[in-house]
Amino acid sequence: MSTISIIGSGSMAAAIGGRIAKAGHTVEVVSREPAKAQALADQLTAGAITGTYGAAPAGDIVILAVPYSSAASAVADYGDALDGKVIIDITNPVAPDRSGLVTPSGSSGAQEIAKDAPAGAHVVKAFNTIFGHVLAKGGRLDAFIAADDPEAKARVSTFLDSLGLRPLDVGGLHMAQTLEALGLLMIGLAKNGAGTWDIAMKVDIG
């Protein structure tokens, strides 16, 4: 098993961290607010540790579990400390009124984050179509991933599988635009057609 670093200490960080700890990996929690990082590490138990915000993460896989509005500044704060890392972007760049996405036309949150990351880092889009409380319940859920680097994509697929998820490759990082639109669709479905947030996207492969 390996060490997986999570930047962030909110509900998604807790849900993903819980899966990681249960799978037997070591979780490193890092936050701008050290007390919140420590509280989440204590909650996860199973040997979870905390790191120093802005310093080189202990894990080779780093999960960016902050709101999209904070993602660019977080990547900038780390700078070259993220060089050589696989960065999993879980953000949904949704407008506050949930009327659409706030990314530039023809781009995605993941692509914008990749522009700010060191050249040696590899951004992978994942987790953005799974609600945190659904992820925390357990079960084998479908997890869509998009990335340009084949090795990074393979490593994230293996990692997701170890968490009891089914990784489904949707293509290059440009497909993150579609996954983020799917995240917005899931929110709309929960609020309107489904009438509940206890939903997950599932693909039937015949």
C-alpha atoms as a PDB file:
ATOM      1  CA  MET A   1       0.000   0.000   0.000  1.00  0.00           C
ATOM      2  CA  SER A   2       1.076   3.591  -0.421  1.00  0.00           C
ATOM      3  CA  THR A   3       0.670   7.109   0.949  1.00  0.00           C
ATOM      4  CA  ILE A   4      -1.999   9.263  -0.672  1.00  0.00           C
ATOM      5  CA  SER A   5      -2.014  12.999   0.009  1.00  0.00           C
ATOM      6  CA  ILE A   6      -5.218  15.035   0.205  1.00  0.00           C
ATOM      7  CA  ILE A   7      -5.170  18.819   0.025  1.00  0.00           C
ATOM      8  CA  GLY A   8      -8.355  19.912   1.762  1.00  0.00           C
ATOM      9  CA  SER A   9     -10.327  18.989   4.856  1.00  0.00           C
ATOM     10  CA  GLY A  10     -13.983  19.301   3.830  1.00  0.00           C
ATOM     11  CA  SER A  11     -16.706  16.725   3.237  1.00  0.00           C
ATOM     12  CA  MET A  12     -15.225  15.341   0.012  1.00  0.00           C
ATOM     13  CA  ALA A  13     -11.779  15.059   1.582  1.00  0.00           C
ATOM     14  CA  ALA A  14     -13.379  13.137   4.452  1.00  0.00           C
ATOM     15  CA  ALA A  15     -15.327  10.818   2.135  1.00  0.00           C
ATOM     16  CA  ILE A  16     -12.364  10.048  -0.094  1.00  0.00           C
ATOM     17  CA  GLY A  17     -10.004   9.805   2.877  1.00  0.00           C
ATOM     18  CA  GLY A  18     -12.323   7.304   4.535  1.00  0.00           C
ATOM     19  CA  ARG A  19     -12.211   5.085   1.457  1.00  0.00           C
ATOM     20  CA  ILE A  20      -8.426   5.387   1.270  1.00  0.00           C
ATOM     21  CA  ALA A  21      -7.936   4.491   4.941  1.00  0.00           C
ATOM     22  CA  LYS A  22     -10.314   1.547   4.676  1.00  0.00           C
ATOM     23  CA  ALA A  23      -8.348   0.253   1.674  1.00  0.00           C
ATOM     24  CA  GLY A  24      -5.203   0.169   3.803  1.00  0.00           C
ATOM     25  CA  HIS A  25      -3.356   3.125   2.324  1.00  0.00           C
ATOM     26  CA  THR A  26      -1.830   5.843   4.495  1.00  0.00           C
ATOM     27  CA  VAL A  27      -3.681   9.150   4.206  1.00  0.00           C
ATOM     28  CA  GLU A  28      -1.805  12.441   4.483  1.00  0.00           C
ATOM     29  CA  VAL A  29      -4.191  15.323   5.139  1.00  0.00           C
ATOM     30  CA  VAL A  30      -3.024  18.849   4.386  1.00  0.00           C
ATOM     31  CA  SER A  31      -4.973  22.072   4.838  1.00  0.00           C
ATOM     32  CA  ARG A  32      -4.397  25.815   5.026  1.00  0.00           C
ATOM     33  CA  GLU A  33      -5.850  25.382   8.519  1.00  0.00           C
ATOM     34  CA  PRO A  34      -3.686  22.808  10.373  1.00  0.00           C
ATOM     35  CA  ALA A  35      -6.301  22.255  13.085  1.00  0.00           C
ATOM     36  CA  LYS A  36      -8.828  21.105  10.487  1.00  0.00           C
ATOM     37  CA  ALA A  37      -6.259  18.782   8.908  1.00  0.00           C
ATOM     38  CA  GLN A  38      -5.502  17.268  12.313  1.00  0.00           C
ATOM     39  CA  ALA A  39      -9.207  16.847  13.090  1.00  0.00           C
ATOM     40  CA  LEU A  40      -9.784  14.966   9.835  1.00  0.00           C
ATOM     41  CA  ALA A  41      -6.682  12.797  10.356  1.00  0.00           C
ATOM     42  CA  ASP A  42      -7.934  11.923  13.844  1.00  0.00           C
ATOM     43  CA  GLN A  43     -11.356  11.082  12.386  1.00  0.00           C
ATOM     44  CA  LEU A  44      -9.827   8.774   9.770  1.00  0.00           C
ATOM     45  CA  THR A  45      -7.522   7.038  12.285  1.00  0.00           C
ATOM     46  CA  ALA A  46      -5.856   4.033  10.587  1.00  0.00           C
ATOM     47  CA  GLY A  47      -2.496   5.793  10.768  1.00  0.00           C
ATOM     48  CA  ALA A  48      -3.568   8.970   8.980  1.00  0.00           C
ATOM     49  CA  ILE A  49      -0.999  11.773   9.165  1.00  0.00           C
ATOM     50  CA  THR A  50      -0.901  15.500   8.500  1.00  0.00           C
ATOM     51  CA  GLY A  51       1.491  17.436   6.314  1.00  0.00           C
ATOM     52  CA  THR A  52       2.644  21.021   5.994  1.00  0.00           C
ATOM     53  CA  TYR A  53       0.625  23.110   3.570  1.00  0.00           C
ATOM     54  CA  GLY A  54       2.770  24.178   0.617  1.00  0.00           C
ATOM     55  CA  ALA A  55       5.536  21.655   1.318  1.00  0.00           C
ATOM     56  CA  ALA A  56       6.192  18.616  -0.858  1.00  0.00           C
ATOM     57  CA  PRO A  57       3.356  16.096  -0.308  1.00  0.00           C
ATOM     58  CA  ALA A  58       4.348  12.674   1.019  1.00  0.00           C
ATOM     59  CA  GLY A  59       2.230  10.847  -1.560  1.00  0.00           C
ATOM     60  CA  ASP A  60       2.965  10.474  -5.257  1.00  0.00           C
ATOM     61  CA  ILE A  61      -0.791  10.792  -5.809  1.00  0.00           C
ATOM     62  CA  VAL A  62      -2.160  14.118  -4.573  1.00  0.00           C
ATOM     63  CA  ILE A  63      -5.920  14.685  -4.397  1.00  0.00           C
ATOM     64  CA  LEU A  64      -6.951  18.312  -4.826  1.00  0.00           C
ATOM     65  CA  ALA A  65     -10.075  18.366  -2.654  1.00  0.00           C
ATOM     66  CA  VAL A  66     -10.736  22.093  -2.410  1.00  0.00           C
ATOM     67  CA  PRO A  67     -13.487  24.181  -4.039  1.00  0.00           C
ATOM     68  CA  TYR A  68     -12.692  25.131  -7.629  1.00  0.00           C
ATOM     69  CA  SER A  69     -12.501  28.784  -6.572  1.00  0.00           C
ATOM     70  CA  SER A  70      -9.519  27.875  -4.365  1.00  0.00           C
ATOM     71  CA  ALA A  71      -7.827  25.386  -6.691  1.00  0.00           C
ATOM     72  CA  ALA A  72      -5.603  27.789  -8.644  1.00  0.00           C
ATOM     73  CA  SER A  73      -4.255  29.440  -5.486  1.00  0.00           C
ATOM     74  CA  ALA A  74      -3.602  26.039  -3.880  1.00  0.00           C
ATOM     75  CA  VAL A  75      -1.604  24.853  -6.889  1.00  0.00           C
ATOM     76  CA  ALA A  76       0.297  28.156  -6.901  1.00  0.00           C
ATOM     77  CA  ASP A  77       1.057  27.816  -3.174  1.00  0.00           C
ATOM     78  CA  TYR A  78       2.676  24.423  -3.814  1.00  0.00           C
ATOM     79  CA  GLY A  79       4.497  25.407  -6.988  1.00  0.00           C
ATOM     80  CA  ASP A  80       7.344  23.037  -7.841  1.00  0.00           C
ATOM     81  CA  ALA A  81       6.531  20.883  -4.792  1.00  0.00           C
ATOM     82  CA  LEU A  82       3.951  19.205  -7.057  1.00  0.00           C
ATOM     83  CA  ASP A  83       6.497  18.419  -9.780  1.00  0.00           C
ATOM     84  CA  GLY A  84       6.385  14.728 -10.670  1.00  0.00           C
ATOM     85  CA  LYS A  85       3.124  14.178  -8.786  1.00  0.00           C
ATOM     86  CA  VAL A  86      -0.152  12.805 -10.120  1.00  0.00           C
ATOM     87  CA  ILE A  87      -2.764  15.416  -9.211  1.00  0.00           C
ATOM     88  CA  ILE A  88      -6.361  14.192  -9.023  1.00  0.00           C
ATOM     89  CA  ASP A  89      -8.709  17.110  -9.609  1.00  0.00           C
ATOM     90  CA  ILE A  90     -12.133  16.436  -8.072  1.00  0.00           C
ATOM     91  CA  THR A  91     -13.549  19.946  -8.507  1.00  0.00           C
ATOM     92  CA  ASN A  92     -16.780  20.960 -10.187  1.00  0.00           C
ATOM     93  CA  PRO A  93     -16.458  24.549 -11.463  1.00  0.00           C
ATOM     94  CA  VAL A  94     -20.149  25.273 -10.988  1.00  0.00           C
ATOM     95  CA  ALA A  95     -21.529  28.824 -10.759  1.00  0.00           C
ATOM     96  CA  PRO A  96     -22.882  29.762  -7.308  1.00  0.00           C
ATOM     97  CA  ASP A  97     -26.455  29.739  -8.633  1.00  0.00           C
ATOM     98  CA  ARG A  98     -25.770  26.376 -10.336  1.00  0.00           C
ATOM     99  CA  SER A  99     -26.805  27.841 -13.691  1.00  0.00           C
ATOM    100  CA  GLY A 100     -23.707  26.630 -15.507  1.00  0.00           C
ATOM    101  CA  LEU A 101     -19.930  26.238 -15.397  1.00  0.00           C
ATOM    102  CA  VAL A 102     -17.529  29.116 -14.735  1.00  0.00           C
ATOM    103  CA  THR A 103     -14.630  27.861 -16.852  1.00  0.00           C
ATOM    104  CA  PRO A 104     -13.530  29.607 -20.063  1.00  0.00           C
ATOM    105  CA  SER A 105     -15.255  28.466 -23.254  1.00  0.00           C
ATOM    106  CA  GLY A 106     -13.611  25.322 -24.615  1.00  0.00           C
ATOM    107  CA  SER A 107     -11.768  24.551 -21.384  1.00  0.00           C
ATOM    108  CA  SER A 108     -12.406  22.740 -18.105  1.00  0.00           C
ATOM    109  CA  GLY A 109     -11.445  23.188 -14.496  1.00  0.00           C
ATOM    110  CA  ALA A 110      -8.941  20.349 -14.833  1.00  0.00           C
ATOM    111  CA  GLN A 111      -7.320  21.923 -17.903  1.00  0.00           C
ATOM    112  CA  GLU A 112      -7.057  25.288 -16.146  1.00  0.00           C
ATOM    113  CA  ILE A 113      -5.462  23.602 -13.130  1.00  0.00           C
ATOM    114  CA  ALA A 114      -3.032  21.767 -15.429  1.00  0.00           C
ATOM    115  CA  LYS A 115      -1.903  25.119 -16.872  1.00  0.00           C
ATOM    116  CA  ASP A 116      -0.887  26.248 -13.377  1.00  0.00           C
ATOM    117  CA  ALA A 117       0.762  22.969 -12.339  1.00  0.00           C
ATOM    118  CA  PRO A 118       4.468  22.213 -12.882  1.00  0.00           C
ATOM    119  CA  ALA A 119       5.345  20.731 -16.266  1.00  0.00           C
ATOM    120  CA  GLY A 120       6.284  17.419 -14.637  1.00  0.00           C
ATOM    121  CA  ALA A 121       2.939  17.010 -12.857  1.00  0.00           C
ATOM    122  CA  HIS A 122       0.062  15.061 -14.427  1.00  0.00           C
ATOM    123  CA  VAL A 123      -3.526  16.121 -13.820  1.00  0.00           C
ATOM    124  CA  VAL A 124      -6.249  13.455 -13.778  1.00  0.00           C
ATOM    125  CA  LYS A 125      -9.951  14.280 -13.495  1.00  0.00           C
ATOM    126  CA  ALA A 126     -11.813  11.925 -11.150  1.00  0.00           C
ATOM    127  CA  PHE A 127     -14.401  11.763  -8.319  1.00  0.00           C
ATOM    128  CA  ASN A 128     -16.307  14.846  -9.532  1.00  0.00           C
ATOM    129  CA  THR A 129     -19.406  12.850 -10.541  1.00  0.00           C
ATOM    130  CA  ILE A 130     -19.788  11.093  -7.165  1.00  0.00           C
ATOM    131  CA  PHE A 131     -21.474  12.866  -4.258  1.00  0.00           C
ATOM    132  CA  GLY A 132     -19.409  12.678  -1.073  1.00  0.00           C
ATOM    133  CA  HIS A 133     -22.070  11.120   1.137  1.00  0.00           C
ATOM    134  CA  VAL A 134     -22.736   8.437  -1.503  1.00  0.00           C
ATOM    135  CA  LEU A 135     -19.007   7.703  -1.732  1.00  0.00           C
ATOM    136  CA  ALA A 136     -18.821   7.412   2.058  1.00  0.00           C
ATOM    137  CA  LYS A 137     -21.579   4.771   2.153  1.00  0.00           C
ATOM    138  CA  GLY A 138     -19.359   2.275   0.367  1.00  0.00           C
ATOM    139  CA  GLY A 139     -20.267  -0.002  -2.498  1.00  0.00           C
ATOM    140  CA  ARG A 140     -18.712  -0.380  -5.932  1.00  0.00           C
ATOM    141  CA  LEU A 141     -19.461   2.883  -7.723  1.00  0.00           C
ATOM    142  CA  ASP A 142     -18.462   3.911 -11.225  1.00  0.00           C
ATOM    143  CA  ALA A 143     -15.640   6.463 -11.223  1.00  0.00           C
ATOM    144  CA  PHE A 144     -14.971   8.280 -14.499  1.00  0.00           C
ATOM    145  CA  ILE A 145     -11.446   9.475 -15.237  1.00  0.00           C
ATOM    146  CA  ALA A 146      -9.905  11.707 -17.895  1.00  0.00           C
ATOM    147  CA  ALA A 147      -6.201  12.414 -18.410  1.00  0.00           C
ATOM    148  CA  ASP A 148      -3.595  12.849 -21.121  1.00  0.00           C
ATOM    149  CA  ASP A 149      -0.747  10.847 -19.580  1.00  0.00           C
ATOM    150  CA  PRO A 150      -1.314   7.070 -19.980  1.00  0.00           C
ATOM    151  CA  GLU A 151       0.896   6.134 -17.017  1.00  0.00           C
ATOM    152  CA  ALA A 152      -0.846   8.588 -14.681  1.00  0.00           C
ATOM    153  CA  LYS A 153      -4.215   7.322 -15.862  1.00  0.00           C
ATOM    154  CA  ALA A 154      -3.176   3.708 -15.233  1.00  0.00           C
ATOM    155  CA  ARG A 155      -1.943   4.549 -11.726  1.00  0.00           C
ATOM    156  CA  VAL A 156      -5.172   6.341 -10.852  1.00  0.00           C
ATOM    157  CA  SER A 157      -7.217   3.452 -12.266  1.00  0.00           C
ATOM    158  CA  THR A 158      -5.339   0.999 -10.045  1.00  0.00           C
ATOM    159  CA  PHE A 159      -5.813   3.329  -7.084  1.00  0.00           C
ATOM    160  CA  LEU A 160      -9.563   3.695  -7.680  1.00  0.00           C
ATOM    161  CA  ASP A 161      -9.925  -0.053  -8.025  1.00  0.00           C
ATOM    162  CA  SER A 162      -8.182  -0.500  -4.661  1.00  0.00           C
ATOM    163  CA  LEU A 163     -10.888   1.727  -3.136  1.00  0.00           C
ATOM    164  CA  GLY A 164     -13.609  -0.589  -4.378  1.00  0.00           C
ATOM    165  CA  LEU A 165     -14.589   1.696  -7.263  1.00  0.00           C
ATOM    166  CA  ARG A 166     -14.873   0.807 -10.956  1.00  0.00           C
ATOM    167  CA  PRO A 167     -12.605   3.121 -12.973  1.00  0.00           C
ATOM    168  CA  LEU A 168     -13.986   4.033 -16.397  1.00  0.00           C
ATOM    169  CA  ASP A 169     -11.671   5.860 -18.801  1.00  0.00           C
ATOM    170  CA  VAL A 170     -13.466   8.524 -20.876  1.00  0.00           C
ATOM    171  CA  GLY A 171     -10.414   9.801 -22.772  1.00  0.00           C
ATOM    172  CA  GLY A 172      -7.950  12.683 -22.645  1.00  0.00           C
ATOM    173  CA  LEU A 173      -8.014  15.624 -20.273  1.00  0.00           C
ATOM    174  CA  HIS A 174     -10.177  17.581 -22.727  1.00  0.00           C
ATOM    175  CA  MET A 175     -12.976  15.191 -21.730  1.00  0.00           C
ATOM    176  CA  ALA A 176     -12.912  16.746 -18.259  1.00  0.00           C
ATOM    177  CA  GLN A 177     -15.204  19.377 -19.792  1.00  0.00           C
ATOM    178  CA  THR A 178     -17.809  16.669 -20.310  1.00  0.00           C
ATOM    179  CA  LEU A 179     -17.290  15.173 -16.847  1.00  0.00           C
ATOM    180  CA  GLU A 180     -17.751  18.591 -15.243  1.00  0.00           C
ATOM    181  CA  ALA A 181     -20.938  19.081 -17.243  1.00  0.00           C
ATOM    182  CA  LEU A 182     -22.005  15.649 -15.986  1.00  0.00           C
ATOM    183  CA  GLY A 183     -21.324  16.830 -12.431  1.00  0.00           C
ATOM    184  CA  LEU A 184     -23.653  19.767 -13.051  1.00  0.00           C
ATOM    185  CA  LEU A 185     -26.232  17.392 -14.540  1.00  0.00           C
ATOM    186  CA  MET A 186     -26.056  15.234 -11.411  1.00  0.00           C
ATOM    187  CA  ILE A 187     -26.782  18.299  -9.257  1.00  0.00           C
ATOM    188  CA  GLY A 188     -29.734  19.231 -11.471  1.00  0.00           C
ATOM    189  CA  LEU A 189     -31.035  15.670 -11.379  1.00  0.00           C
ATOM    190  CA  ALA A 190     -30.793  15.540  -7.596  1.00  0.00           C
ATOM    191  CA  LYS A 191     -32.654  18.818  -7.228  1.00  0.00           C
ATOM    192  CA  ASN A 192     -35.322  18.138  -9.822  1.00  0.00           C
ATOM    193  CA  GLY A 193     -35.955  14.768 -11.477  1.00  0.00           C
ATOM    194  CA  ALA A 194     -34.649  12.434  -8.766  1.00  0.00           C
ATOM    195  CA  GLY A 195     -35.724  14.473  -5.767  1.00  0.00           C
ATOM    196  CA  THR A 196     -32.867  13.037  -3.721  1.00  0.00           C
ATOM    197  CA  TRP A 197     -29.092  13.412  -3.481  1.00  0.00           C
ATOM    198  CA  ASP A 198     -28.730   9.663  -2.837  1.00  0.00           C
ATOM    199  CA  ILE A 199     -27.945   8.924  -6.484  1.00  0.00           C
ATOM    200  CA  ALA A 200     -24.951   7.769  -8.496  1.00  0.00           C
ATOM    201  CA  MET A 201     -24.223   7.442 -12.196  1.00  0.00           C
ATOM    202  CA  LYS A 202     -23.896   3.822 -13.322  1.00  0.00           C
ATOM    203  CA  VAL A 203     -22.879   2.434 -16.707  1.00  0.00           C
ATOM    204  CA  ASP A 204     -24.239  -0.926 -17.849  1.00  0.00           C
ATOM    205  CA  ILE A 205     -21.737  -2.626 -20.130  1.00  0.00           C
ATOM    206  CA  GLY A 206     -23.437  -5.437 -21.983  1.00  0.00           C
END
